[in-house]
Amino acid sequence: MQRASAAVSIRRALAALFVALLGLMVPVSAASAHDSLAESSPKDGQSMQSVPDAIKLTFTDTPIALGSEIKVQDEDGRDWAIGDVEIVDNVATQAISPDAPGGKYTVTWRVVSSDSHPIEGVFEFTAATGGPGGAEVSSPQPVESPSAEAGSEGQVADPEEAPTVFPTTFVVIMGAVLVVLVIIIGIMARRRLGRNDD
């Protein structure tokens, strides 16, 4: 009877440890998700009448300004972005030179997520005419549909699009703690059973 009681106590203790471990794992897993790009202006593959005065990227949370970069390159690879990236709330804005000519542009962006992880992406747009001081394109280039592009907003493999990877170190530490607790409970149960036998 006493042995059965000790076995029940061990099972209850192990169940409590398992529940506690799950409770610790859930919030860490949720916190490991990165921010993501919710919207861009212009949109990927958009055809515009003229080059916009700025690129605007809207994220699911407020990114960190430090290390943020947005390039606006024409087909020759020249970057027409001017000034630094401005971040207000969850919107990152990059001004474009008014001298930017009409044509096809590639926007390459990289910001630091609110959880301190860098995220990046690439998208394209086409403008028939340049900015206020830019040149006009004699024959506007056709815009490929978003489905024909290699990817949509953030087509460069974004860390936030990959499955969330649970921190390995945390799992190892919690596993080790659990093993130690199981050993301690086992030793205590044996001592109690030994005393009962005596």
N, C-alpha and C. Protein backbone atom coordinates (compact mmCIF):
# COMPACT_ATOMS: atom_id res chain seq x y z
N MET A 1 0.83 -1.20 0.00
CA MET A 1 0.00 0.00 0.00
C MET A 1 0.87 1.26 0.00
N GLN A 2 1.89 1.19 0.87
CA GLN A 2 2.78 2.35 0.95
C GLN A 2 3.58 2.52 -0.34
N ARG A 3 3.97 1.41 -0.98
CA ARG A 3 4.69 1.49 -2.25
C ARG A 3 3.81 2.12 -3.33
N ALA A 4 2.55 1.72 -3.36
CA ALA A 4 1.62 2.27 -4.34
C ALA A 4 1.45 3.76 -4.12
N SER A 5 1.39 4.17 -2.84
CA SER A 5 1.25 5.59 -2.51
C SER A 5 2.47 6.37 -2.97
N ALA A 6 3.66 5.79 -2.79
CA ALA A 6 4.89 6.46 -3.23
C ALA A 6 4.92 6.58 -4.74
N ALA A 7 4.47 5.54 -5.45
CA ALA A 7 4.45 5.57 -6.91
C ALA A 7 3.52 6.65 -7.42
N VAL A 8 2.36 6.77 -6.75
CA VAL A 8 1.40 7.82 -7.14
C VAL A 8 2.01 9.20 -6.93
N SER A 9 2.73 9.37 -5.82
CA SER A 9 3.37 10.66 -5.54
C SER A 9 4.39 11.01 -6.61
N ILE A 10 5.16 10.00 -7.05
CA ILE A 10 6.16 10.23 -8.09
C ILE A 10 5.49 10.65 -9.39
N ARG A 11 4.38 9.95 -9.76
CA ARG A 11 3.68 10.29 -11.00
C ARG A 11 3.14 11.71 -10.94
N ARG A 12 2.59 12.08 -9.82
CA ARG A 12 2.05 13.44 -9.68
C ARG A 12 3.15 14.49 -9.79
N ALA A 13 4.31 14.20 -9.18
CA ALA A 13 5.42 15.15 -9.24
C ALA A 13 5.92 15.31 -10.67
N LEU A 14 6.02 14.19 -11.41
CA LEU A 14 6.47 14.25 -12.80
C LEU A 14 5.47 15.00 -13.66
N ALA A 15 4.18 14.78 -13.41
CA ALA A 15 3.15 15.49 -14.18
C ALA A 15 3.23 16.99 -13.93
N ALA A 16 3.47 17.38 -12.68
CA ALA A 16 3.59 18.80 -12.34
C ALA A 16 4.80 19.42 -13.04
N LEU A 17 5.92 18.68 -13.08
CA LEU A 17 7.11 19.17 -13.76
C LEU A 17 6.86 19.35 -15.25
N PHE A 18 6.14 18.40 -15.85
CA PHE A 18 5.85 18.47 -17.28
C PHE A 18 4.99 19.69 -17.60
N VAL A 19 3.97 19.93 -16.79
CA VAL A 19 3.10 21.10 -16.99
C VAL A 19 3.89 22.40 -16.83
N ALA A 20 4.77 22.43 -15.84
CA ALA A 20 5.59 23.64 -15.62
C ALA A 20 6.51 23.90 -16.81
N LEU A 21 7.08 22.83 -17.36
CA LEU A 21 7.96 22.96 -18.51
C LEU A 21 7.21 23.49 -19.72
N LEU A 22 6.00 22.99 -19.95
CA LEU A 22 5.18 23.49 -21.06
C LEU A 22 4.84 24.96 -20.88
N GLY A 23 4.56 25.36 -19.65
CA GLY A 23 4.24 26.76 -19.38
C GLY A 23 5.40 27.68 -19.68
N LEU A 24 6.62 27.21 -19.48
CA LEU A 24 7.80 28.02 -19.78
C LEU A 24 8.06 28.07 -21.28
N MET A 25 7.75 27.00 -21.99
CA MET A 25 8.05 26.93 -23.42
C MET A 25 7.12 27.80 -24.26
N VAL A 26 5.85 27.91 -23.90
CA VAL A 26 4.88 28.63 -24.72
C VAL A 26 5.23 30.10 -24.91
N PRO A 27 5.48 30.88 -23.83
CA PRO A 27 5.80 32.29 -24.04
C PRO A 27 7.09 32.51 -24.79
N VAL A 28 8.11 31.66 -24.59
CA VAL A 28 9.37 31.83 -25.31
C VAL A 28 9.17 31.59 -26.79
N SER A 29 8.37 30.60 -27.15
CA SER A 29 8.11 30.30 -28.56
C SER A 29 7.40 31.45 -29.23
N ALA A 30 6.42 32.05 -28.53
CA ALA A 30 5.68 33.16 -29.11
C ALA A 30 6.56 34.38 -29.28
N ALA A 31 7.47 34.60 -28.33
CA ALA A 31 8.33 35.78 -28.39
C ALA A 31 9.38 35.66 -29.47
N SER A 32 9.67 34.45 -29.94
CA SER A 32 10.73 34.28 -30.92
C SER A 32 10.29 34.62 -32.34
N ALA A 33 8.98 34.93 -32.55
CA ALA A 33 8.51 35.30 -33.88
C ALA A 33 8.97 36.71 -34.20
N HIS A 34 9.48 36.93 -35.41
CA HIS A 34 9.97 38.24 -35.82
C HIS A 34 8.85 39.08 -36.43
N ASP A 35 9.12 40.39 -36.58
CA ASP A 35 8.18 41.25 -37.28
C ASP A 35 8.19 40.88 -38.76
N SER A 36 7.17 41.31 -39.49
CA SER A 36 7.10 41.04 -40.92
C SER A 36 6.58 42.27 -41.66
N LEU A 37 6.86 42.31 -42.96
CA LEU A 37 6.40 43.41 -43.80
C LEU A 37 4.91 43.22 -44.09
N ALA A 38 4.09 44.17 -43.67
CA ALA A 38 2.65 44.07 -43.87
C ALA A 38 2.22 44.71 -45.19
N GLU A 39 2.91 45.78 -45.59
CA GLU A 39 2.51 46.51 -46.81
C GLU A 39 3.66 47.38 -47.28
N SER A 40 3.73 47.60 -48.60
CA SER A 40 4.73 48.51 -49.15
C SER A 40 4.05 49.49 -50.10
N SER A 41 4.61 50.69 -50.20
CA SER A 41 4.13 51.70 -51.15
C SER A 41 5.35 52.29 -51.85
N PRO A 42 5.50 52.04 -53.17
CA PRO A 42 4.61 51.30 -54.07
C PRO A 42 4.56 49.81 -53.73
N LYS A 43 3.56 49.14 -54.31
CA LYS A 43 3.45 47.69 -54.13
C LYS A 43 4.39 46.99 -55.11
N ASP A 44 4.69 45.75 -54.82
CA ASP A 44 5.56 44.97 -55.69
C ASP A 44 4.92 44.81 -57.07
N GLY A 45 5.68 45.19 -58.12
CA GLY A 45 5.20 45.07 -59.50
C GLY A 45 4.28 46.20 -59.95
N GLN A 46 4.10 47.23 -59.12
CA GLN A 46 3.17 48.31 -59.46
C GLN A 46 3.73 49.20 -60.57
N SER A 47 2.84 49.63 -61.49
CA SER A 47 3.20 50.57 -62.55
C SER A 47 2.67 51.94 -62.16
N MET A 48 3.56 52.93 -62.10
CA MET A 48 3.19 54.26 -61.64
C MET A 48 3.37 55.29 -62.75
N GLN A 49 2.66 56.41 -62.62
CA GLN A 49 2.80 57.47 -63.61
C GLN A 49 4.15 58.16 -63.48
N SER A 50 4.61 58.34 -62.25
CA SER A 50 5.90 58.99 -62.01
C SER A 50 6.57 58.37 -60.79
N VAL A 51 7.86 58.63 -60.67
CA VAL A 51 8.61 58.11 -59.52
C VAL A 51 8.08 58.76 -58.24
N PRO A 52 7.74 58.00 -57.22
CA PRO A 52 7.22 58.58 -55.97
C PRO A 52 8.32 59.36 -55.25
N ASP A 53 7.91 60.21 -54.35
CA ASP A 53 8.92 60.98 -53.60
C ASP A 53 9.53 60.18 -52.46
N ALA A 54 8.92 59.02 -52.15
CA ALA A 54 9.45 58.20 -51.05
C ALA A 54 8.92 56.77 -51.14
N ILE A 55 9.67 55.87 -50.53
CA ILE A 55 9.25 54.49 -50.36
C ILE A 55 8.75 54.35 -48.92
N LYS A 56 7.60 53.70 -48.74
CA LYS A 56 7.06 53.51 -47.40
C LYS A 56 6.81 52.03 -47.15
N LEU A 57 7.36 51.53 -46.06
CA LEU A 57 7.21 50.12 -45.68
C LEU A 57 6.50 50.05 -44.33
N THR A 58 5.40 49.32 -44.28
CA THR A 58 4.64 49.17 -43.05
C THR A 58 4.86 47.77 -42.49
N PHE A 59 5.28 47.69 -41.23
CA PHE A 59 5.59 46.42 -40.59
C PHE A 59 4.55 46.07 -39.52
N THR A 60 4.58 44.83 -39.07
CA THR A 60 3.62 44.38 -38.06
C THR A 60 3.95 44.93 -36.68
N ASP A 61 5.17 45.46 -36.51
CA ASP A 61 5.56 46.10 -35.25
C ASP A 61 6.58 47.17 -35.57
N THR A 62 6.93 47.99 -34.61
CA THR A 62 7.87 49.08 -34.84
C THR A 62 9.30 48.57 -34.91
N PRO A 63 9.97 48.69 -36.09
CA PRO A 63 11.35 48.23 -36.20
C PRO A 63 12.31 49.19 -35.50
N ILE A 64 13.53 48.73 -35.30
CA ILE A 64 14.57 49.56 -34.69
C ILE A 64 15.26 50.38 -35.77
N ALA A 65 15.43 51.67 -35.53
CA ALA A 65 15.99 52.56 -36.55
C ALA A 65 17.46 52.24 -36.85
N LEU A 66 18.20 51.85 -35.84
CA LEU A 66 19.62 51.58 -36.01
C LEU A 66 19.84 50.43 -37.00
N GLY A 67 20.64 50.68 -38.04
CA GLY A 67 20.97 49.64 -39.01
C GLY A 67 19.96 49.50 -40.14
N SER A 68 18.92 50.32 -40.17
CA SER A 68 17.92 50.24 -41.22
C SER A 68 18.46 50.83 -42.52
N GLU A 69 18.13 50.19 -43.65
CA GLU A 69 18.62 50.65 -44.95
C GLU A 69 17.61 50.30 -46.04
N ILE A 70 17.32 51.27 -46.92
CA ILE A 70 16.44 51.04 -48.06
C ILE A 70 17.12 51.62 -49.30
N LYS A 71 17.40 50.77 -50.29
CA LYS A 71 18.01 51.21 -51.54
C LYS A 71 16.95 51.23 -52.64
N VAL A 72 17.00 52.26 -53.48
CA VAL A 72 16.08 52.40 -54.61
C VAL A 72 16.93 52.50 -55.87
N GLN A 73 17.18 51.37 -56.51
CA GLN A 73 18.13 51.31 -57.61
C GLN A 73 17.43 51.18 -58.97
N ASP A 74 17.96 51.96 -59.95
CA ASP A 74 17.43 51.85 -61.32
C ASP A 74 18.07 50.65 -62.00
N GLU A 75 17.80 50.47 -63.29
CA GLU A 75 18.30 49.30 -64.01
C GLU A 75 19.81 49.30 -64.16
N ASP A 76 20.44 50.47 -64.00
CA ASP A 76 21.91 50.55 -64.07
C ASP A 76 22.55 50.33 -62.71
N GLY A 77 21.72 50.14 -61.69
CA GLY A 77 22.26 49.89 -60.36
C GLY A 77 22.50 51.14 -59.54
N ARG A 78 22.12 52.31 -60.07
CA ARG A 78 22.33 53.55 -59.33
C ARG A 78 21.25 53.70 -58.26
N ASP A 79 21.68 54.04 -57.05
CA ASP A 79 20.77 54.18 -55.92
C ASP A 79 20.28 55.63 -55.84
N TRP A 80 18.96 55.82 -55.92
CA TRP A 80 18.37 57.16 -55.91
C TRP A 80 17.78 57.52 -54.55
N ALA A 81 18.04 56.71 -53.54
CA ALA A 81 17.58 57.03 -52.19
C ALA A 81 18.42 58.17 -51.63
N ILE A 82 17.78 59.09 -50.93
CA ILE A 82 18.51 60.21 -50.32
C ILE A 82 18.15 60.30 -48.84
N GLY A 83 19.14 60.65 -48.02
CA GLY A 83 18.91 60.78 -46.59
C GLY A 83 18.80 59.42 -45.91
N ASP A 84 18.50 59.47 -44.65
CA ASP A 84 18.39 58.25 -43.84
C ASP A 84 16.95 57.74 -43.81
N VAL A 85 16.81 56.50 -43.43
CA VAL A 85 15.48 55.91 -43.26
C VAL A 85 14.83 56.53 -42.02
N GLU A 86 13.60 56.98 -42.17
CA GLU A 86 12.86 57.54 -41.04
C GLU A 86 11.81 56.54 -40.58
N ILE A 87 11.78 56.26 -39.30
CA ILE A 87 10.82 55.30 -38.76
C ILE A 87 9.90 56.00 -37.77
N VAL A 88 8.61 55.98 -38.08
CA VAL A 88 7.59 56.53 -37.19
C VAL A 88 6.57 55.43 -36.93
N ASP A 89 6.43 55.05 -35.68
CA ASP A 89 5.59 53.92 -35.31
C ASP A 89 6.07 52.68 -36.06
N ASN A 90 5.22 52.04 -36.85
CA ASN A 90 5.64 50.83 -37.57
C ASN A 90 5.84 51.08 -39.06
N VAL A 91 6.06 52.34 -39.45
CA VAL A 91 6.27 52.70 -40.86
C VAL A 91 7.68 53.25 -41.07
N ALA A 92 8.41 52.63 -42.01
CA ALA A 92 9.76 53.08 -42.38
C ALA A 92 9.66 53.81 -43.71
N THR A 93 10.20 55.03 -43.78
CA THR A 93 10.11 55.86 -44.99
C THR A 93 11.50 56.21 -45.50
N GLN A 94 11.70 56.04 -46.81
CA GLN A 94 12.97 56.39 -47.44
C GLN A 94 12.69 57.37 -48.58
N ALA A 95 13.24 58.59 -48.48
CA ALA A 95 13.04 59.60 -49.51
C ALA A 95 13.79 59.22 -50.79
N ILE A 96 13.22 59.63 -51.95
CA ILE A 96 13.83 59.38 -53.26
C ILE A 96 14.19 60.72 -53.90
N SER A 97 15.33 60.78 -54.55
CA SER A 97 15.79 62.01 -55.19
C SER A 97 14.77 62.48 -56.23
N PRO A 98 14.49 63.79 -56.26
CA PRO A 98 13.56 64.32 -57.27
C PRO A 98 14.12 64.21 -58.69
N ASP A 99 15.42 63.94 -58.80
CA ASP A 99 16.05 63.80 -60.12
C ASP A 99 15.99 62.37 -60.64
N ALA A 100 15.36 61.47 -59.91
CA ALA A 100 15.29 60.07 -60.33
C ALA A 100 14.52 59.98 -61.65
N PRO A 101 15.09 59.30 -62.65
CA PRO A 101 14.43 59.20 -63.96
C PRO A 101 13.33 58.13 -63.96
N GLY A 102 12.49 58.16 -64.99
CA GLY A 102 11.48 57.12 -65.12
C GLY A 102 12.15 55.80 -65.48
N GLY A 103 11.47 54.70 -65.24
CA GLY A 103 12.03 53.40 -65.56
C GLY A 103 11.68 52.37 -64.51
N LYS A 104 12.37 51.26 -64.54
CA LYS A 104 12.12 50.17 -63.61
C LYS A 104 13.08 50.29 -62.43
N TYR A 105 12.54 50.12 -61.22
CA TYR A 105 13.33 50.25 -60.00
C TYR A 105 13.24 48.99 -59.15
N THR A 106 14.35 48.71 -58.48
CA THR A 106 14.42 47.60 -57.53
C THR A 106 14.65 48.18 -56.14
N VAL A 107 13.74 47.87 -55.23
CA VAL A 107 13.86 48.36 -53.85
C VAL A 107 14.37 47.21 -52.98
N THR A 108 15.52 47.43 -52.36
CA THR A 108 16.11 46.44 -51.47
C THR A 108 16.09 47.02 -50.05
N TRP A 109 15.40 46.35 -49.14
CA TRP A 109 15.29 46.90 -47.79
C TRP A 109 15.82 45.93 -46.75
N ARG A 110 16.29 46.54 -45.67
CA ARG A 110 16.79 45.76 -44.53
C ARG A 110 16.57 46.59 -43.27
N VAL A 111 15.84 46.04 -42.32
CA VAL A 111 15.61 46.72 -41.04
C VAL A 111 15.85 45.74 -39.91
N VAL A 112 15.94 46.28 -38.71
CA VAL A 112 16.11 45.44 -37.53
C VAL A 112 14.76 45.30 -36.85
N SER A 113 14.31 44.06 -36.72
CA SER A 113 13.01 43.77 -36.11
C SER A 113 12.99 44.26 -34.66
N SER A 114 11.79 44.45 -34.11
CA SER A 114 11.67 44.91 -32.73
C SER A 114 12.29 43.93 -31.74
N ASP A 115 12.50 42.67 -32.17
CA ASP A 115 13.15 41.69 -31.29
C ASP A 115 14.65 41.60 -31.56
N SER A 116 15.19 42.63 -32.26
CA SER A 116 16.63 42.79 -32.54
C SER A 116 17.16 41.86 -33.62
N HIS A 117 16.29 41.18 -34.37
CA HIS A 117 16.73 40.33 -35.47
C HIS A 117 16.56 41.08 -36.80
N PRO A 118 17.58 41.06 -37.68
CA PRO A 118 17.45 41.73 -38.98
C PRO A 118 16.49 40.99 -39.90
N ILE A 119 15.67 41.74 -40.63
CA ILE A 119 14.80 41.18 -41.65
C ILE A 119 15.01 41.98 -42.93
N GLU A 120 14.81 41.36 -44.09
CA GLU A 120 15.09 42.04 -45.35
C GLU A 120 14.19 41.53 -46.46
N GLY A 121 14.20 42.24 -47.58
CA GLY A 121 13.37 41.84 -48.71
C GLY A 121 13.66 42.69 -49.94
N VAL A 122 13.06 42.32 -51.05
CA VAL A 122 13.24 43.01 -52.33
C VAL A 122 11.91 43.07 -53.06
N PHE A 123 11.61 44.20 -53.70
CA PHE A 123 10.46 44.28 -54.60
C PHE A 123 10.76 45.30 -55.69
N GLU A 124 9.91 45.34 -56.72
CA GLU A 124 10.15 46.22 -57.87
C GLU A 124 8.91 47.04 -58.21
N PHE A 125 9.15 48.17 -58.87
CA PHE A 125 8.05 48.97 -59.41
C PHE A 125 8.56 49.68 -60.66
N THR A 126 7.65 50.18 -61.48
CA THR A 126 8.02 50.88 -62.71
C THR A 126 7.32 52.23 -62.76
N ALA A 127 8.05 53.27 -63.19
CA ALA A 127 7.49 54.61 -63.31
C ALA A 127 7.63 55.09 -64.75
N ALA A 128 6.54 55.64 -65.32
CA ALA A 128 6.58 56.11 -66.71
C ALA A 128 7.43 57.37 -66.84
N THR A 129 7.37 58.22 -65.83
CA THR A 129 8.16 59.45 -65.85
C THR A 129 8.95 59.56 -64.56
N GLY A 130 9.96 60.43 -64.60
CA GLY A 130 10.79 60.61 -63.43
C GLY A 130 10.17 61.57 -62.43
N GLY A 131 10.96 61.93 -61.43
CA GLY A 131 10.51 62.90 -60.45
C GLY A 131 10.48 64.29 -61.05
N PRO A 132 10.28 65.33 -60.22
CA PRO A 132 10.20 66.70 -60.72
C PRO A 132 11.41 67.10 -61.56
N GLY A 133 12.59 66.58 -61.21
CA GLY A 133 13.78 66.94 -61.98
C GLY A 133 14.30 65.79 -62.82
N GLY A 134 13.53 64.70 -62.88
CA GLY A 134 13.98 63.51 -63.60
C GLY A 134 13.57 63.51 -65.05
N ALA A 135 14.11 62.54 -65.78
CA ALA A 135 13.82 62.42 -67.22
C ALA A 135 12.63 61.52 -67.43
N GLU A 136 11.98 61.71 -68.60
CA GLU A 136 10.83 60.88 -68.95
C GLU A 136 11.29 59.71 -69.79
N VAL A 137 10.66 58.58 -69.60
CA VAL A 137 10.99 57.40 -70.38
C VAL A 137 10.23 57.46 -71.69
N SER A 138 10.96 57.30 -72.83
CA SER A 138 10.33 57.39 -74.15
C SER A 138 9.29 56.30 -74.36
N SER A 139 9.57 55.11 -73.90
CA SER A 139 8.62 54.00 -74.03
C SER A 139 8.59 53.23 -72.72
N PRO A 140 7.56 53.48 -71.93
CA PRO A 140 7.48 52.81 -70.62
C PRO A 140 7.58 51.31 -70.75
N GLN A 141 8.35 50.71 -69.86
CA GLN A 141 8.55 49.28 -69.91
C GLN A 141 7.35 48.57 -69.31
N PRO A 142 6.93 47.44 -69.90
CA PRO A 142 5.80 46.70 -69.33
C PRO A 142 6.15 46.19 -67.94
N VAL A 143 5.17 46.16 -67.09
CA VAL A 143 5.37 45.70 -65.72
C VAL A 143 4.95 44.25 -65.62
N GLU A 144 5.83 43.43 -65.11
CA GLU A 144 5.50 42.03 -64.92
C GLU A 144 4.51 41.91 -63.78
N SER A 145 3.57 41.01 -63.93
CA SER A 145 2.58 40.80 -62.88
C SER A 145 3.27 40.22 -61.66
N PRO A 146 2.71 40.49 -60.48
CA PRO A 146 3.33 39.95 -59.25
C PRO A 146 3.53 38.46 -59.29
N SER A 147 2.62 37.74 -60.00
CA SER A 147 2.74 36.28 -60.04
C SER A 147 3.93 35.84 -60.85
N ALA A 148 4.41 36.73 -61.77
CA ALA A 148 5.54 36.36 -62.61
C ALA A 148 6.86 36.68 -61.93
N GLU A 149 6.79 37.46 -60.87
CA GLU A 149 8.01 37.80 -60.16
C GLU A 149 8.51 36.60 -59.37
N ALA A 150 9.78 36.64 -59.01
CA ALA A 150 10.34 35.55 -58.22
C ALA A 150 9.69 35.49 -56.85
N GLY A 151 9.15 36.60 -56.39
CA GLY A 151 8.47 36.62 -55.10
C GLY A 151 7.75 37.92 -54.94
N SER A 152 6.94 38.06 -53.93
CA SER A 152 6.23 39.30 -53.69
C SER A 152 7.01 40.13 -52.70
N GLU A 153 6.31 40.98 -51.95
CA GLU A 153 6.99 41.85 -51.01
C GLU A 153 7.90 41.02 -50.12
N GLY A 154 9.19 41.41 -50.09
CA GLY A 154 10.13 40.65 -49.27
C GLY A 154 10.44 39.31 -49.89
N GLN A 155 10.70 39.30 -51.24
CA GLN A 155 10.91 38.02 -51.90
C GLN A 155 12.24 37.40 -51.52
N VAL A 156 13.19 38.19 -51.02
CA VAL A 156 14.39 37.59 -50.47
C VAL A 156 13.96 36.84 -49.23
N ALA A 157 14.48 35.65 -49.05
CA ALA A 157 14.02 34.80 -47.95
C ALA A 157 14.05 35.57 -46.64
N ASP A 158 12.86 35.92 -46.15
CA ASP A 158 12.74 36.66 -44.90
C ASP A 158 12.82 35.72 -43.72
N PRO A 159 13.58 36.08 -42.67
CA PRO A 159 13.63 35.23 -41.49
C PRO A 159 12.27 35.02 -40.87
N GLU A 160 11.37 36.08 -40.99
CA GLU A 160 10.09 35.90 -40.36
C GLU A 160 9.19 34.94 -41.10
N GLU A 161 9.51 34.64 -42.41
CA GLU A 161 8.69 33.71 -43.17
C GLU A 161 9.07 32.27 -42.88
N ALA A 162 10.27 32.07 -42.35
CA ALA A 162 10.71 30.71 -42.04
C ALA A 162 10.03 30.26 -40.76
N PRO A 163 9.84 28.97 -40.61
CA PRO A 163 9.22 28.48 -39.38
C PRO A 163 10.02 28.90 -38.17
N THR A 164 9.31 29.27 -37.12
CA THR A 164 9.98 29.69 -35.91
C THR A 164 10.75 28.54 -35.29
N VAL A 165 12.04 28.79 -35.04
CA VAL A 165 12.88 27.74 -34.47
C VAL A 165 13.00 27.97 -32.97
N PHE A 166 12.60 26.97 -32.21
CA PHE A 166 12.66 27.11 -30.76
C PHE A 166 14.11 27.09 -30.30
N PRO A 167 14.50 28.00 -29.40
CA PRO A 167 15.89 28.08 -28.93
C PRO A 167 16.41 26.76 -28.41
N THR A 168 17.47 26.25 -29.02
CA THR A 168 18.02 24.95 -28.64
C THR A 168 18.59 24.99 -27.23
N THR A 169 19.27 26.07 -26.88
CA THR A 169 19.88 26.18 -25.55
C THR A 169 18.84 26.05 -24.45
N PHE A 170 17.69 26.70 -24.65
CA PHE A 170 16.62 26.65 -23.64
C PHE A 170 16.13 25.23 -23.45
N VAL A 171 15.94 24.51 -24.55
CA VAL A 171 15.45 23.13 -24.48
C VAL A 171 16.44 22.25 -23.73
N VAL A 172 17.74 22.42 -24.03
CA VAL A 172 18.77 21.61 -23.39
C VAL A 172 18.80 21.87 -21.89
N ILE A 173 18.74 23.16 -21.50
CA ILE A 173 18.79 23.52 -20.08
C ILE A 173 17.59 22.96 -19.34
N MET A 174 16.39 23.15 -19.91
CA MET A 174 15.19 22.68 -19.24
C MET A 174 15.17 21.15 -19.17
N GLY A 175 15.70 20.51 -20.21
CA GLY A 175 15.78 19.04 -20.20
C GLY A 175 16.68 18.56 -19.09
N ALA A 176 17.83 19.25 -18.92
CA ALA A 176 18.78 18.87 -17.87
C ALA A 176 18.16 19.07 -16.48
N VAL A 177 17.45 20.19 -16.31
CA VAL A 177 16.80 20.45 -15.02
C VAL A 177 15.76 19.37 -14.73
N LEU A 178 15.00 19.02 -15.76
CA LEU A 178 13.97 18.00 -15.58
C LEU A 178 14.58 16.65 -15.18
N VAL A 179 15.69 16.28 -15.83
CA VAL A 179 16.36 15.01 -15.51
C VAL A 179 16.85 15.01 -14.07
N VAL A 180 17.46 16.13 -13.63
CA VAL A 180 17.97 16.23 -12.26
C VAL A 180 16.83 16.09 -11.25
N LEU A 181 15.70 16.77 -11.54
CA LEU A 181 14.56 16.69 -10.63
C LEU A 181 14.00 15.27 -10.55
N VAL A 182 13.95 14.59 -11.71
CA VAL A 182 13.46 13.21 -11.72
C VAL A 182 14.36 12.31 -10.88
N ILE A 183 15.70 12.51 -11.00
CA ILE A 183 16.65 11.70 -10.22
C ILE A 183 16.47 11.95 -8.72
N ILE A 184 16.31 13.23 -8.37
CA ILE A 184 16.13 13.56 -6.94
C ILE A 184 14.86 12.92 -6.39
N ILE A 185 13.78 13.03 -7.17
CA ILE A 185 12.51 12.43 -6.72
C ILE A 185 12.66 10.91 -6.59
N GLY A 186 13.36 10.29 -7.52
CA GLY A 186 13.58 8.85 -7.47
C GLY A 186 14.35 8.43 -6.24
N ILE A 187 15.41 9.20 -5.91
CA ILE A 187 16.22 8.88 -4.72
C ILE A 187 15.39 9.02 -3.45
N MET A 188 14.60 10.10 -3.39
CA MET A 188 13.77 10.32 -2.19
C MET A 188 12.73 9.21 -2.06
N ALA A 189 12.16 8.78 -3.20
CA ALA A 189 11.15 7.72 -3.15
C ALA A 189 11.77 6.41 -2.67
N ARG A 190 12.98 6.10 -3.14
CA ARG A 190 13.66 4.86 -2.71
C ARG A 190 13.95 4.88 -1.22
N ARG A 191 14.41 6.03 -0.73
CA ARG A 191 14.70 6.14 0.70
C ARG A 191 13.43 5.94 1.53
N ARG A 192 12.34 6.53 1.02
CA ARG A 192 11.09 6.39 1.76
C ARG A 192 10.61 4.94 1.75
N LEU A 193 10.75 4.28 0.59
CA LEU A 193 10.36 2.87 0.51
C LEU A 193 11.25 2.01 1.40
N GLY A 194 12.56 2.34 1.47
CA GLY A 194 13.49 1.58 2.29
C GLY A 194 13.13 1.71 3.77
N ARG A 195 12.74 2.92 4.18
CA ARG A 195 12.37 3.13 5.57
C ARG A 195 11.09 2.34 5.89
N ASN A 196 10.15 2.34 4.93
CA ASN A 196 8.90 1.63 5.15
C ASN A 196 9.13 0.12 5.27
N ASP A 197 10.09 -0.40 4.47
CA ASP A 197 10.40 -1.82 4.52
C ASP A 197 10.99 -2.20 5.87
N ASP A 198 11.82 -1.24 6.44
CA ASP A 198 12.43 -1.52 7.73
C ASP A 198 11.36 -1.52 8.82
